Amino acid sequence: MAVEPLTIAMPKGRIFEEALDLMRRSGFAIPDEFASDSRKLTVTLPEAGLQFFLAKPMDVAIYVEYGVADLGVVGKDVLLEEQRDVYELLDLRISPCKMAVAGLPSWKPAPNPRVATKYPVIAENYFKSRGEQVEVIKMNGSIELAPIVGLADRIVDIVSTGQTLRENGLVELEEIVSVTSRLIGNRASYRMKNTQIQKLSDRLAEVVQGSETIDPNRERSTVDS
């Protein structure tokens, strides 16, 4: 009886490329031509027992929560913001960055502070935990513009190298949380396909923790629920 392939939702962009490299190093036979800039949104790899489809990063956890995908690769920022009902299985330690508060170098506390962000849940929770009352403004475009034109006195956003902040005359004021990409799982899939999912997770974990390429033909233990 043929084993049903695991379906994995993958985000487009840098995380996708790094996740594929990690899977190749874990011994999965993934063709080099499978790339995030391909027009194909779904790819089935029978030899690896995997089926991938590409989605916007913010949508990956939705596909996993509703069972369209058994697994997904998504940034910790998305998990914190979307708060989806999924299992967080493994920190893949790829695409590291951080969520931070930034503003103009001259920033000082002022009455009725406003914070612009693409991540209103994270921002609200952070400032609430500090006992600071702020008005959070949800935005979708270039967040760095908000302090420059006076819409908000600070922003909350993902910071990688800090280059974008510097180019716009902003500085990091506080770090909220470190962010890396995670392997997540659908709750029902984790029960029904536990052996397959655990085997995949174990292979990835071995490379993540050891930073080495492993032999795909070597036997590995699995954990059944």
C-alpha atoms as a PDB file:
ATOM      1  CA  MET A   1       0.000   0.000   0.000  1.00  0.00           C
ATOM      2  CA  ALA A   2       1.460   3.334  -1.067  1.00  0.00           C
ATOM      3  CA  VAL A   3       2.189   5.803   1.702  1.00  0.00           C
ATOM      4  CA  GLU A   4       0.444   9.135   1.283  1.00  0.00           C
ATOM      5  CA  PRO A   5       3.057  11.897   0.869  1.00  0.00           C
ATOM      6  CA  LEU A   6       3.524  14.576   3.483  1.00  0.00           C
ATOM      7  CA  THR A   7       2.272  17.936   2.271  1.00  0.00           C
ATOM      8  CA  ILE A   8       4.422  20.892   3.303  1.00  0.00           C
ATOM      9  CA  ALA A   9       3.450  24.560   2.936  1.00  0.00           C
ATOM     10  CA  MET A  10       6.508  26.687   2.211  1.00  0.00           C
ATOM     11  CA  PRO A  11       6.870  30.476   2.226  1.00  0.00           C
ATOM     12  CA  LYS A  12       8.171  32.211  -0.876  1.00  0.00           C
ATOM     13  CA  GLY A  13      11.516  33.987  -0.686  1.00  0.00           C
ATOM     14  CA  ARG A  14      14.653  33.590   1.422  1.00  0.00           C
ATOM     15  CA  ILE A  15      13.149  31.232   4.005  1.00  0.00           C
ATOM     16  CA  PHE A  16      12.097  28.886   1.204  1.00  0.00           C
ATOM     17  CA  GLU A  17      15.620  28.691  -0.253  1.00  0.00           C
ATOM     18  CA  GLU A  18      17.218  28.122   3.147  1.00  0.00           C
ATOM     19  CA  ALA A  19      14.615  25.485   4.103  1.00  0.00           C
ATOM     20  CA  LEU A  20      15.203  23.574   0.853  1.00  0.00           C
ATOM     21  CA  ASP A  21      18.957  23.644   1.428  1.00  0.00           C
ATOM     22  CA  LEU A  22      18.393  22.254   4.921  1.00  0.00           C
ATOM     23  CA  MET A  23      16.190  19.472   3.554  1.00  0.00           C
ATOM     24  CA  ARG A  24      18.752  18.560   0.904  1.00  0.00           C
ATOM     25  CA  ARG A  25      21.440  18.376   3.601  1.00  0.00           C
ATOM     26  CA  SER A  26      19.060  16.118   5.531  1.00  0.00           C
ATOM     27  CA  GLY A  27      19.119  13.655   2.646  1.00  0.00           C
ATOM     28  CA  PHE A  28      15.878  14.464   0.829  1.00  0.00           C
ATOM     29  CA  ALA A  29      16.043  14.193  -2.974  1.00  0.00           C
ATOM     30  CA  ILE A  30      14.883  17.676  -3.958  1.00  0.00           C
ATOM     31  CA  PRO A  31      15.727  18.828  -7.511  1.00  0.00           C
ATOM     32  CA  ASP A  32      17.854  21.949  -7.885  1.00  0.00           C
ATOM     33  CA  GLU A  33      15.342  23.406 -10.354  1.00  0.00           C
ATOM     34  CA  PHE A  34      12.677  23.592  -7.626  1.00  0.00           C
ATOM     35  CA  ALA A  35      12.976  27.280  -6.724  1.00  0.00           C
ATOM     36  CA  SER A  36      10.804  29.962  -5.105  1.00  0.00           C
ATOM     37  CA  ASP A  37      10.742  32.054  -8.287  1.00  0.00           C
ATOM     38  CA  SER A  38       9.113  29.214 -10.230  1.00  0.00           C
ATOM     39  CA  ARG A  39       5.591  29.822 -11.511  1.00  0.00           C
ATOM     40  CA  LYS A  40       4.565  26.385 -10.262  1.00  0.00           C
ATOM     41  CA  LEU A  41       2.771  26.602  -6.925  1.00  0.00           C
ATOM     42  CA  THR A  42       2.774  22.860  -6.193  1.00  0.00           C
ATOM     43  CA  VAL A  43       5.474  20.231  -6.680  1.00  0.00           C
ATOM     44  CA  THR A  44       5.244  16.514  -5.847  1.00  0.00           C
ATOM     45  CA  LEU A  45       8.415  14.530  -5.178  1.00  0.00           C
ATOM     46  CA  PRO A  46       7.386  10.847  -5.073  1.00  0.00           C
ATOM     47  CA  GLU A  47      10.895   9.590  -4.306  1.00  0.00           C
ATOM     48  CA  ALA A  48      11.063  11.760  -1.199  1.00  0.00           C
ATOM     49  CA  GLY A  49       7.431  11.121  -0.230  1.00  0.00           C
ATOM     50  CA  LEU A  50       6.816  14.856  -0.126  1.00  0.00           C
ATOM     51  CA  GLN A  51       4.518  17.374  -1.769  1.00  0.00           C
ATOM     52  CA  PHE A  52       5.253  21.080  -1.510  1.00  0.00           C
ATOM     53  CA  PHE A  53       3.174  24.124  -2.238  1.00  0.00           C
ATOM     54  CA  LEU A  54       4.204  27.750  -2.065  1.00  0.00           C
ATOM     55  CA  ALA A  55       2.269  30.387  -0.137  1.00  0.00           C
ATOM     56  CA  LYS A  56       2.739  33.861   1.280  1.00  0.00           C
ATOM     57  CA  PRO A  57       4.569  33.685   4.624  1.00  0.00           C
ATOM     58  CA  MET A  58       1.573  34.979   6.594  1.00  0.00           C
ATOM     59  CA  ASP A  59      -0.654  32.267   5.057  1.00  0.00           C
ATOM     60  CA  VAL A  60       1.514  29.211   5.772  1.00  0.00           C
ATOM     61  CA  ALA A  61       0.210  28.681   9.312  1.00  0.00           C
ATOM     62  CA  ILE A  62      -3.382  29.006   8.070  1.00  0.00           C
ATOM     63  CA  TYR A  63      -2.907  26.148   5.590  1.00  0.00           C
ATOM     64  CA  VAL A  64      -1.398  24.017   8.359  1.00  0.00           C
ATOM     65  CA  GLU A  65      -4.052  24.831  10.959  1.00  0.00           C
ATOM     66  CA  TYR A  66      -6.871  23.858   8.593  1.00  0.00           C
ATOM     67  CA  GLY A  67      -5.162  20.644   7.502  1.00  0.00           C
ATOM     68  CA  VAL A  68      -4.531  21.578   3.876  1.00  0.00           C
ATOM     69  CA  ALA A  69      -0.861  21.031   4.708  1.00  0.00           C
ATOM     70  CA  ASP A  70       0.502  18.489   7.160  1.00  0.00           C
ATOM     71  CA  LEU A  71       3.549  20.624   7.862  1.00  0.00           C
ATOM     72  CA  GLY A  72       4.801  24.129   7.217  1.00  0.00           C
ATOM     73  CA  VAL A  73       7.900  26.271   7.514  1.00  0.00           C
ATOM     74  CA  VAL A  74       7.227  29.682   9.006  1.00  0.00           C
ATOM     75  CA  GLY A  75       8.958  32.458  10.909  1.00  0.00           C
ATOM     76  CA  LYS A  76       8.441  32.749  14.663  1.00  0.00           C
ATOM     77  CA  ASP A  77       7.159  36.272  14.025  1.00  0.00           C
ATOM     78  CA  VAL A  78       4.214  34.850  12.066  1.00  0.00           C
ATOM     79  CA  LEU A  79       3.427  32.365  14.832  1.00  0.00           C
ATOM     80  CA  LEU A  80       3.443  35.119  17.451  1.00  0.00           C
ATOM     81  CA  GLU A  81       1.324  37.415  15.325  1.00  0.00           C
ATOM     82  CA  GLU A  82      -1.187  34.934  13.905  1.00  0.00           C
ATOM     83  CA  GLN A  83      -1.472  32.725  17.023  1.00  0.00           C
ATOM     84  CA  ARG A  84      -2.663  29.732  14.993  1.00  0.00           C
ATOM     85  CA  ASP A  85      -3.583  26.385  16.555  1.00  0.00           C
ATOM     86  CA  VAL A  86      -0.620  24.336  15.301  1.00  0.00           C
ATOM     87  CA  TYR A  87       2.219  22.308  16.786  1.00  0.00           C
ATOM     88  CA  GLU A  88       5.627  23.979  16.798  1.00  0.00           C
ATOM     89  CA  LEU A  89       7.841  20.960  16.133  1.00  0.00           C
ATOM     90  CA  LEU A  90      11.370  22.244  15.542  1.00  0.00           C
ATOM     91  CA  ASP A  91      13.428  25.409  15.501  1.00  0.00           C
ATOM     92  CA  LEU A  92      15.160  25.183  12.121  1.00  0.00           C
ATOM     93  CA  ARG A  93      17.565  28.021  13.049  1.00  0.00           C
ATOM     94  CA  ILE A  94      17.365  29.521   9.563  1.00  0.00           C
ATOM     95  CA  SER A  95      16.687  33.116   8.480  1.00  0.00           C
ATOM     96  CA  PRO A  96      17.625  34.605  11.876  1.00  0.00           C
ATOM     97  CA  CYS A  97      16.509  38.140  12.625  1.00  0.00           C
ATOM     98  CA  LYS A  98      14.677  39.939  15.428  1.00  0.00           C
ATOM     99  CA  MET A  99      11.535  41.874  16.140  1.00  0.00           C
ATOM    100  CA  ALA A 100      12.448  45.317  17.422  1.00  0.00           C
ATOM    101  CA  VAL A 101      11.188  48.762  18.314  1.00  0.00           C
ATOM    102  CA  ALA A 102      12.807  51.532  16.269  1.00  0.00           C
ATOM    103  CA  GLY A 103      12.516  55.284  15.922  1.00  0.00           C
ATOM    104  CA  LEU A 104      14.401  58.479  15.259  1.00  0.00           C
ATOM    105  CA  PRO A 105      17.641  58.995  17.245  1.00  0.00           C
ATOM    106  CA  SER A 106      15.980  61.976  18.913  1.00  0.00           C
ATOM    107  CA  TRP A 107      13.036  59.917  20.221  1.00  0.00           C
ATOM    108  CA  LYS A 108      11.871  60.677  23.756  1.00  0.00           C
ATOM    109  CA  PRO A 109       8.780  59.502  25.651  1.00  0.00           C
ATOM    110  CA  ALA A 110       5.812  61.744  24.904  1.00  0.00           C
ATOM    111  CA  PRO A 111       2.079  61.901  25.678  1.00  0.00           C
ATOM    112  CA  ASN A 112      -0.257  59.837  23.461  1.00  0.00           C
ATOM    113  CA  PRO A 113       2.479  57.754  21.775  1.00  0.00           C
ATOM    114  CA  ARG A 114       1.708  56.034  18.479  1.00  0.00           C
ATOM    115  CA  VAL A 115       3.434  52.938  17.100  1.00  0.00           C
ATOM    116  CA  ALA A 116       3.194  51.850  13.453  1.00  0.00           C
ATOM    117  CA  THR A 117       3.633  48.183  12.573  1.00  0.00           C
ATOM    118  CA  LYS A 118       2.699  45.226  10.382  1.00  0.00           C
ATOM    119  CA  TYR A 119       2.512  43.191  13.591  1.00  0.00           C
ATOM    120  CA  PRO A 120      -0.200  44.751  15.795  1.00  0.00           C
ATOM    121  CA  VAL A 121      -0.655  41.688  18.045  1.00  0.00           C
ATOM    122  CA  ILE A 122       3.053  41.470  18.852  1.00  0.00           C
ATOM    123  CA  ALA A 123       3.279  45.239  19.392  1.00  0.00           C
ATOM    124  CA  GLU A 124       0.224  45.417  21.630  1.00  0.00           C
ATOM    125  CA  ASN A 125       1.341  42.468  23.741  1.00  0.00           C
ATOM    126  CA  TYR A 126       4.847  43.866  24.106  1.00  0.00           C
ATOM    127  CA  PHE A 127       3.862  47.332  25.244  1.00  0.00           C
ATOM    128  CA  LYS A 128       1.117  45.950  27.479  1.00  0.00           C
ATOM    129  CA  SER A 129       3.702  43.713  29.186  1.00  0.00           C
ATOM    130  CA  ARG A 130       5.728  46.840  29.912  1.00  0.00           C
ATOM    131  CA  GLY A 131       2.725  48.725  31.270  1.00  0.00           C
ATOM    132  CA  GLU A 132       3.025  51.283  28.465  1.00  0.00           C
ATOM    133  CA  GLN A 133      -0.144  52.566  26.803  1.00  0.00           C
ATOM    134  CA  VAL A 134       0.304  53.219  23.096  1.00  0.00           C
ATOM    135  CA  GLU A 135      -1.908  53.546  20.049  1.00  0.00           C
ATOM    136  CA  VAL A 136      -0.929  50.817  17.602  1.00  0.00           C
ATOM    137  CA  ILE A 137      -1.462  51.675  13.933  1.00  0.00           C
ATOM    138  CA  LYS A 138      -1.657  48.685  11.585  1.00  0.00           C
ATOM    139  CA  MET A 139       0.162  49.339   8.318  1.00  0.00           C
ATOM    140  CA  ASN A 140       1.053  47.270   5.255  1.00  0.00           C
ATOM    141  CA  GLY A 141       3.685  49.311   3.415  1.00  0.00           C
ATOM    142  CA  SER A 142       7.011  50.923   4.288  1.00  0.00           C
ATOM    143  CA  ILE A 143       6.819  51.153   8.069  1.00  0.00           C
ATOM    144  CA  GLU A 144      10.023  53.221   8.249  1.00  0.00           C
ATOM    145  CA  LEU A 145       8.173  56.179   6.747  1.00  0.00           C
ATOM    146  CA  ALA A 146       5.849  56.602   9.751  1.00  0.00           C
ATOM    147  CA  PRO A 147       8.316  58.308  12.165  1.00  0.00           C
ATOM    148  CA  ILE A 148       9.811  60.386   9.361  1.00  0.00           C
ATOM    149  CA  VAL A 149       6.492  62.022   8.406  1.00  0.00           C
ATOM    150  CA  GLY A 150       5.143  62.152  11.959  1.00  0.00           C
ATOM    151  CA  LEU A 151       2.441  59.479  11.740  1.00  0.00           C
ATOM    152  CA  ALA A 152       3.993  57.568  14.636  1.00  0.00           C
ATOM    153  CA  ASP A 153       6.871  58.158  17.013  1.00  0.00           C
ATOM    154  CA  ARG A 154       8.075  54.545  16.852  1.00  0.00           C
ATOM    155  CA  ILE A 155       7.722  51.403  14.759  1.00  0.00           C
ATOM    156  CA  VAL A 156       7.764  47.674  15.490  1.00  0.00           C
ATOM    157  CA  ASP A 157       9.231  45.619  12.686  1.00  0.00           C
ATOM    158  CA  ILE A 158      11.569  42.796  11.697  1.00  0.00           C
ATOM    159  CA  VAL A 159      15.230  43.818  11.737  1.00  0.00           C
ATOM    160  CA  SER A 160      17.903  41.729  10.048  1.00  0.00           C
ATOM    161  CA  THR A 161      21.026  43.743   9.268  1.00  0.00           C
ATOM    162  CA  GLY A 162      19.613  47.130  10.281  1.00  0.00           C
ATOM    163  CA  GLN A 163      20.514  48.555   6.879  1.00  0.00           C
ATOM    164  CA  THR A 164      16.974  49.714   6.085  1.00  0.00           C
ATOM    165  CA  LEU A 165      16.744  51.527   9.412  1.00  0.00           C
ATOM    166  CA  ARG A 166      20.053  53.300   8.842  1.00  0.00           C
ATOM    167  CA  GLU A 167      19.138  54.307   5.302  1.00  0.00           C
ATOM    168  CA  ASN A 168      16.032  56.014   6.664  1.00  0.00           C
ATOM    169  CA  GLY A 169      17.711  57.702   9.622  1.00  0.00           C
ATOM    170  CA  LEU A 170      16.212  55.392  12.248  1.00  0.00           C
ATOM    171  CA  VAL A 171      17.825  53.471  15.093  1.00  0.00           C
ATOM    172  CA  GLU A 172      16.880  50.351  16.995  1.00  0.00           C
ATOM    173  CA  LEU A 173      15.545  51.284  20.430  1.00  0.00           C
ATOM    174  CA  GLU A 174      14.611  47.908  21.959  1.00  0.00           C
ATOM    175  CA  GLU A 175      14.687  44.259  20.941  1.00  0.00           C
ATOM    176  CA  ILE A 176      11.400  42.424  21.477  1.00  0.00           C
ATOM    177  CA  VAL A 177      12.241  38.849  20.492  1.00  0.00           C
ATOM    178  CA  SER A 178      14.680  36.828  18.415  1.00  0.00           C
ATOM    179  CA  VAL A 179      13.137  35.256  15.310  1.00  0.00           C
ATOM    180  CA  THR A 180      14.044  32.114  13.379  1.00  0.00           C
ATOM    181  CA  SER A 181      12.014  29.828  11.127  1.00  0.00           C
ATOM    182  CA  ARG A 182      10.143  26.887  12.621  1.00  0.00           C
ATOM    183  CA  LEU A 183       8.742  23.576  11.405  1.00  0.00           C
ATOM    184  CA  ILE A 184       5.071  23.458  12.362  1.00  0.00           C
ATOM    185  CA  GLY A 185       2.513  20.666  12.137  1.00  0.00           C
ATOM    186  CA  ASN A 186      -1.226  20.175  11.876  1.00  0.00           C
ATOM    187  CA  ARG A 187      -2.562  18.562  15.052  1.00  0.00           C
ATOM    188  CA  ALA A 188      -4.583  15.849  13.313  1.00  0.00           C
ATOM    189  CA  SER A 189      -1.773  15.069  10.858  1.00  0.00           C
ATOM    190  CA  TYR A 190       0.660  14.687  13.744  1.00  0.00           C
ATOM    191  CA  ARG A 191      -1.510  11.904  15.142  1.00  0.00           C
ATOM    192  CA  MET A 192      -2.388  10.218  11.839  1.00  0.00           C
ATOM    193  CA  LYS A 193       1.048  10.504  10.194  1.00  0.00           C
ATOM    194  CA  ASN A 194       3.196  10.504  13.285  1.00  0.00           C
ATOM    195  CA  THR A 195       5.836   8.081  12.010  1.00  0.00           C
ATOM    196  CA  GLN A 196       6.405  10.033   8.777  1.00  0.00           C
ATOM    197  CA  ILE A 197       6.422  13.399  10.503  1.00  0.00           C
ATOM    198  CA  GLN A 198       8.706  12.276  13.317  1.00  0.00           C
ATOM    199  CA  LYS A 199      11.155  10.734  10.860  1.00  0.00           C
ATOM    200  CA  LEU A 200      11.313  13.963   8.838  1.00  0.00           C
ATOM    201  CA  SER A 201      11.650  16.080  11.981  1.00  0.00           C
ATOM    202  CA  ASP A 202      14.411  13.826  13.343  1.00  0.00           C
ATOM    203  CA  ARG A 203      16.391  14.061  10.110  1.00  0.00           C
ATOM    204  CA  LEU A 204      16.126  17.837  10.075  1.00  0.00           C
ATOM    205  CA  ALA A 205      16.990  18.081  13.773  1.00  0.00           C
ATOM    206  CA  GLU A 206      20.127  16.021  13.264  1.00  0.00           C
ATOM    207  CA  VAL A 207      21.434  18.472  10.687  1.00  0.00           C
ATOM    208  CA  VAL A 208      20.249  21.569  12.577  1.00  0.00           C
ATOM    209  CA  GLN A 209      21.951  20.471  15.785  1.00  0.00           C
ATOM    210  CA  GLY A 210      25.048  19.018  14.168  1.00  0.00           C
ATOM    211  CA  SER A 211      25.397  21.367  11.161  1.00  0.00           C
ATOM    212  CA  GLU A 212      26.354  18.418   8.957  1.00  0.00           C
ATOM    213  CA  THR A 213      24.957  16.558   5.974  1.00  0.00           C
ATOM    214  CA  ILE A 214      23.594  13.105   6.798  1.00  0.00           C
ATOM    215  CA  ASP A 215      23.228   9.874   4.850  1.00  0.00           C
ATOM    216  CA  PRO A 216      19.585   9.490   3.722  1.00  0.00           C
ATOM    217  CA  ASN A 217      19.889   5.692   3.666  1.00  0.00           C
ATOM    218  CA  ARG A 218      20.879   5.335   7.312  1.00  0.00           C
ATOM    219  CA  GLU A 219      18.185   3.876   9.570  1.00  0.00           C
ATOM    220  CA  ARG A 220      16.684   6.264  12.124  1.00  0.00           C
ATOM    221  CA  SER A 221      14.418   5.656  15.053  1.00  0.00           C
ATOM    222  CA  THR A 222      10.868   7.001  15.045  1.00  0.00           C
ATOM    223  CA  VAL A 223       8.447   7.824  17.819  1.00  0.00           C
ATOM    224  CA  ASP A 224       4.813   6.733  17.517  1.00  0.00           C
ATOM    225  CA  SER A 225       2.007   8.462  19.347  1.00  0.00           C
END
